[in-house]
Structure formats: C-alpha cells, structure tokens
C-alpha atoms as a PDB file:
ATOM      1  CA  LEU A   1      -9.568-105.396  -7.483  1.00  0.00           C
ATOM      2  CA  PRO A   2      -8.888-103.534 -10.682  1.00  0.00           C
ATOM      3  CA  GLU A   3      -5.674-101.490 -10.709  1.00  0.00           C
ATOM      4  CA  ARG A   4      -7.582 -98.190 -10.862  1.00  0.00           C
ATOM      5  CA  GLU A   5      -9.659 -98.931  -7.740  1.00  0.00           C
ATOM      6  CA  ARG A   6      -6.612-100.264  -5.915  1.00  0.00           C
ATOM      7  CA  ALA A   7      -4.644 -97.075  -6.651  1.00  0.00           C
ATOM      8  CA  GLY A   8      -7.519 -94.902  -5.397  1.00  0.00           C
ATOM      9  CA  LEU A   9      -7.803 -96.856  -2.149  1.00  0.00           C
ATOM     10  CA  LYS A  10      -4.036 -96.722  -1.608  1.00  0.00           C
ATOM     11  CA  ARG A  11      -4.009 -92.973  -2.134  1.00  0.00           C
ATOM     12  CA  ARG A  12      -6.710 -92.526   0.522  1.00  0.00           C
ATOM     13  CA  GLU A  13      -4.813 -94.975   2.769  1.00  0.00           C
ATOM     14  CA  LEU A  14      -7.742 -97.386   2.871  1.00  0.00           C
ATOM     15  CA  LEU A  15      -5.750-100.236   1.377  1.00  0.00           C
ATOM     16  CA  LEU A  16      -2.487-101.725   2.554  1.00  0.00           C
ATOM     17  CA  GLU A  17      -0.750-104.444   0.585  1.00  0.00           C
ATOM     18  CA  VAL A  18       1.426-106.786   2.602  1.00  0.00           C
ATOM     19  CA  PRO A  19       3.491-109.736   1.371  1.00  0.00           C
ATOM     20  CA  LEU A  20       2.146-113.171   2.279  1.00  0.00           C
ATOM     21  CA  LYS A  21       4.654-115.912   3.049  1.00  0.00           C
ATOM     22  CA  SER A  22       3.790-119.586   3.188  1.00  0.00           C
ATOM     23  CA  TYR A  23       5.825-122.674   3.977  1.00  0.00           C
ATOM     24  CA  TRP A  24       5.411-126.375   3.263  1.00  0.00           C
ATOM     25  CA  ILE A  25       6.485-128.464   6.239  1.00  0.00           C
ATOM     26  CA  ARG A  26       6.946-132.199   5.777  1.00  0.00           C
ATOM     27  CA  LYS A  27       8.324-135.044   7.820  1.00  0.00           C
ATOM     28  CA  GLY A  28      11.999-135.579   7.105  1.00  0.00           C
ATOM     29  CA  SER A  29      13.956-138.820   7.025  1.00  0.00           C
ATOM     30  CA  ALA A  30      14.979-138.389  10.685  1.00  0.00           C
ATOM     31  CA  PHE A  31      11.382-137.819  11.919  1.00  0.00           C
ATOM     32  CA  SER A  32      10.412-139.717  15.045  1.00  0.00           C
ATOM     33  CA  ARG A  33       7.621-139.318  17.575  1.00  0.00           C
ATOM     34  CA  ALA A  34       9.875-140.474  20.418  1.00  0.00           C
ATOM     35  CA  VAL A  35      12.301-138.034  22.000  1.00  0.00           C
ATOM     36  CA  ALA A  36      15.693-139.730  22.072  1.00  0.00           C
ATOM     37  CA  ARG A  37      18.102-138.687  24.796  1.00  0.00           C
ATOM     38  CA  PRO A  38      21.709-139.806  24.401  1.00  0.00           C
ATOM     39  CA  GLU A  39      23.133-141.886  27.224  1.00  0.00           C
ATOM     40  CA  THR A  40      25.266-139.879  29.626  1.00  0.00           C
ATOM     41  CA  GLU A  41      28.752-141.081  30.335  1.00  0.00           C
ATOM     42  CA  LEU A  42      29.275-141.428  34.068  1.00  0.00           C
ATOM     43  CA  THR A  43      32.788-141.263  35.415  1.00  0.00           C
ATOM     44  CA  PRO A  44      33.788-142.670  38.812  1.00  0.00           C
ATOM     45  CA  ASP A  45      34.198-139.080  40.073  1.00  0.00           C
ATOM     46  CA  MET A  46      30.619-138.255  39.123  1.00  0.00           C
ATOM     47  CA  ILE A  47      29.301-141.326  40.945  1.00  0.00           C
ATOM     48  CA  ALA A  48      31.372-140.581  44.068  1.00  0.00           C
ATOM     49  CA  THR A  49      29.943-137.094  44.550  1.00  0.00           C
END
C-alpha cells in the first residue's frame, strides 16, 4: 500500500502492522532419526532391591 493510504487506515484503526519473524531450520551434524538412550549403570544395591 502507498504510505498515504496506510497512514489513513492506521488512523482509523483499520490497519495493524505486526512484525513477522521467520526461521530456517536445518539438520545439524548430530541429527539422527533414532532416539539414543544412554546405558544406565546398575549397582549391586539397585539390583538387590
């Protein structure tokens, strides 16, 4: 819109300008489809209970 029309619409509160944010998301070097769970360390006490 031309600046003049935009100013008129803003004045009558028929136009609201909002910032638009966008992001680029890409696969990183550590990307994997599998969910890796670290092995849990079992102590003898944990096994006994």
